[in-house]
C-alpha atoms as a PDB file:
ATOM      1  CA  MET A   1    -105.229 210.706 -33.847  1.00  0.00           C
ATOM      2  CA  ASN A   2    -104.138 207.823 -31.868  1.00  0.00           C
ATOM      3  CA  PRO A   3    -100.523 208.263 -30.506  1.00  0.00           C
ATOM      4  CA  LEU A   4     -99.590 204.708 -31.465  1.00  0.00           C
ATOM      5  CA  LEU A   5    -100.456 205.432 -35.054  1.00  0.00           C
ATOM      6  CA  GLU A   6     -98.371 208.503 -34.970  1.00  0.00           C
ATOM      7  CA  ILE A   7     -95.312 206.536 -33.659  1.00  0.00           C
ATOM      8  CA  ALA A   8     -95.835 203.634 -36.322  1.00  0.00           C
ATOM      9  CA  GLU A   9     -95.962 206.319 -39.266  1.00  0.00           C
ATOM     10  CA  VAL A  10     -93.338 205.998 -41.840  1.00  0.00           C
ATOM     11  CA  SER A  11     -92.088 209.218 -43.589  1.00  0.00           C
ATOM     12  CA  VAL A  12     -90.840 208.185 -46.849  1.00  0.00           C
ATOM     13  CA  GLY A  13     -88.015 210.346 -48.183  1.00  0.00           C
ATOM     14  CA  GLN A  14     -86.996 211.943 -44.902  1.00  0.00           C
ATOM     15  CA  HIS A  15     -83.652 210.572 -43.758  1.00  0.00           C
ATOM     16  CA  TYR A  16     -80.662 211.909 -41.976  1.00  0.00           C
ATOM     17  CA  TYR A  17     -77.482 212.189 -43.890  1.00  0.00           C
ATOM     18  CA  TRP A  18     -74.225 213.194 -42.562  1.00  0.00           C
ATOM     19  CA  GLU A  19     -70.997 214.288 -44.379  1.00  0.00           C
ATOM     20  CA  LEU A  20     -67.868 212.828 -42.899  1.00  0.00           C
ATOM     21  CA  GLY A  21     -64.455 212.982 -44.706  1.00  0.00           C
ATOM     22  CA  GLY A  22     -66.113 213.310 -48.204  1.00  0.00           C
ATOM     23  CA  TYR A  23     -68.455 210.490 -47.529  1.00  0.00           C
ATOM     24  CA  GLU A  24     -72.091 210.731 -47.035  1.00  0.00           C
ATOM     25  CA  LEU A  25     -73.367 208.577 -44.177  1.00  0.00           C
ATOM     26  CA  HIS A  26     -76.972 207.414 -43.522  1.00  0.00           C
ATOM     27  CA  GLY A  27     -77.533 208.738 -40.040  1.00  0.00           C
ATOM     28  CA  GLN A  28     -80.247 206.234 -38.986  1.00  0.00           C
ATOM     29  CA  VAL A  29     -78.275 203.181 -40.017  1.00  0.00           C
ATOM     30  CA  LEU A  30     -75.104 204.488 -38.350  1.00  0.00           C
ATOM     31  CA  ILE A  31     -76.850 205.169 -35.112  1.00  0.00           C
ATOM     32  CA  THR A  32     -78.736 201.660 -35.107  1.00  0.00           C
ATOM     33  CA  SER A  33     -75.537 199.920 -35.889  1.00  0.00           C
ATOM     34  CA  TRP A  34     -73.775 201.566 -33.059  1.00  0.00           C
ATOM     35  CA  VAL A  35     -76.498 200.835 -30.515  1.00  0.00           C
ATOM     36  CA  VAL A  36     -76.680 196.985 -31.632  1.00  0.00           C
ATOM     37  CA  LEU A  37     -72.754 197.015 -31.511  1.00  0.00           C
ATOM     38  CA  ALA A  38     -72.929 198.481 -27.955  1.00  0.00           C
ATOM     39  CA  ILE A  39     -75.510 195.791 -26.882  1.00  0.00           C
ATOM     40  CA  ILE A  40     -73.585 192.882 -28.235  1.00  0.00           C
ATOM     41  CA  ALA A  41     -70.416 194.085 -26.601  1.00  0.00           C
ATOM     42  CA  THR A  42     -72.045 194.745 -23.195  1.00  0.00           C
ATOM     43  CA  LEU A  43     -73.658 191.096 -23.323  1.00  0.00           C
ATOM     44  CA  SER A  44     -70.443 189.715 -24.347  1.00  0.00           C
ATOM     45  CA  LEU A  45     -68.579 191.403 -21.424  1.00  0.00           C
ATOM     46  CA  LEU A  46     -71.232 190.453 -18.918  1.00  0.00           C
ATOM     47  CA  GLY A  47     -71.504 186.825 -20.061  1.00  0.00           C
ATOM     48  CA  ASN A  48     -67.683 186.269 -20.186  1.00  0.00           C
ATOM     49  CA  ARG A  49     -66.178 187.971 -17.166  1.00  0.00           C
ATOM     50  CA  ASP A  50     -66.491 185.125 -14.684  1.00  0.00           C
ATOM     51  CA  LEU A  51     -65.864 181.898 -16.844  1.00  0.00           C
ATOM     52  CA  LYS A  52     -66.443 178.393 -15.084  1.00  0.00           C
ATOM     53  CA  PRO A  53     -65.604 175.062 -16.437  1.00  0.00           C
ATOM     54  CA  THR A  54     -69.160 174.084 -15.997  1.00  0.00           C
ATOM     55  CA  PRO A  55     -71.329 177.136 -17.357  1.00  0.00           C
ATOM     56  CA  ASP A  56     -74.381 178.213 -15.495  1.00  0.00           C
ATOM     57  CA  GLY A  57     -76.651 181.169 -15.792  1.00  0.00           C
ATOM     58  CA  PHE A  58     -75.689 183.889 -18.397  1.00  0.00           C
ATOM     59  CA  GLN A  59     -72.436 182.013 -19.466  1.00  0.00           C
ATOM     60  CA  ASN A  60     -74.803 179.161 -20.314  1.00  0.00           C
ATOM     61  CA  PHE A  61     -76.858 181.202 -22.509  1.00  0.00           C
ATOM     62  CA  THR A  62     -73.859 182.856 -24.247  1.00  0.00           C
ATOM     63  CA  GLU A  63     -72.382 179.519 -25.079  1.00  0.00           C
ATOM     64  CA  LEU A  64     -75.576 178.343 -26.513  1.00  0.00           C
ATOM     65  CA  VAL A  65     -75.874 181.641 -28.851  1.00  0.00           C
ATOM     66  CA  THR A  66     -72.047 180.931 -29.840  1.00  0.00           C
ATOM     67  CA  GLU A  67     -72.666 177.262 -30.535  1.00  0.00           C
ATOM     68  CA  PHE A  68     -75.781 178.094 -32.553  1.00  0.00           C
ATOM     69  CA  ILE A  69     -74.055 180.616 -34.628  1.00  0.00           C
ATOM     70  CA  ARG A  70     -71.032 178.173 -35.278  1.00  0.00           C
ATOM     71  CA  ASP A  71     -73.541 175.393 -36.420  1.00  0.00           C
ATOM     72  CA  LEU A  72     -75.394 177.590 -38.470  1.00  0.00           C
ATOM     73  CA  ALA A  73     -72.174 178.865 -40.218  1.00  0.00           C
ATOM     74  CA  LYS A  74     -71.138 175.053 -40.529  1.00  0.00           C
ATOM     75  CA  THR A  75     -74.428 174.018 -42.140  1.00  0.00           C
ATOM     76  CA  GLN A  76     -74.612 177.196 -44.612  1.00  0.00           C
ATOM     77  CA  ILE A  77     -70.872 177.498 -45.561  1.00  0.00           C
ATOM     78  CA  GLY A  78     -69.700 173.927 -45.260  1.00  0.00           C
ATOM     79  CA  GLU A  79     -67.607 171.728 -42.980  1.00  0.00           C
ATOM     80  CA  GLU A  80     -64.391 172.628 -44.702  1.00  0.00           C
ATOM     81  CA  ASP A  81     -64.711 176.473 -45.270  1.00  0.00           C
ATOM     82  CA  TYR A  82     -66.814 177.667 -42.236  1.00  0.00           C
ATOM     83  CA  LEU A  83     -63.757 178.371 -40.032  1.00  0.00           C
ATOM     84  CA  LYS A  84     -62.432 180.963 -42.398  1.00  0.00           C
ATOM     85  CA  TRP A  85     -65.498 183.088 -41.597  1.00  0.00           C
ATOM     86  CA  TYR A  86     -66.415 181.983 -38.107  1.00  0.00           C
ATOM     87  CA  LEU A  87     -63.191 182.736 -36.109  1.00  0.00           C
ATOM     88  CA  PHE A  88     -64.231 181.977 -32.495  1.00  0.00           C
END
C-alpha cells in the first residue's frame, strides 16, 4: 500500500482520552490546542521583542494580523460591542 494513503487513513472511534481530576479529556484536542498556543505565543514574542515606531519585517506582519482580527471583530460584532471581546 502507498505510504501516503496510510498516513491519510482515518481511524473512526480510536481516540486518546485522559482522566484528570475527575474529568475526561480528549487527548488529540488537548495536544493540538497546546501546540497551536505555543506557536502563537512564540510568534507573538518574536514579532514584538524589538518594537519600532515605523514597523518593518516581522513586526509589520504581526501588526497586519492584529489589525485584520480587529477589523473582522468590528464587522462581525459591531462598532459598539467589539471592544468587549477584542481586548488588544
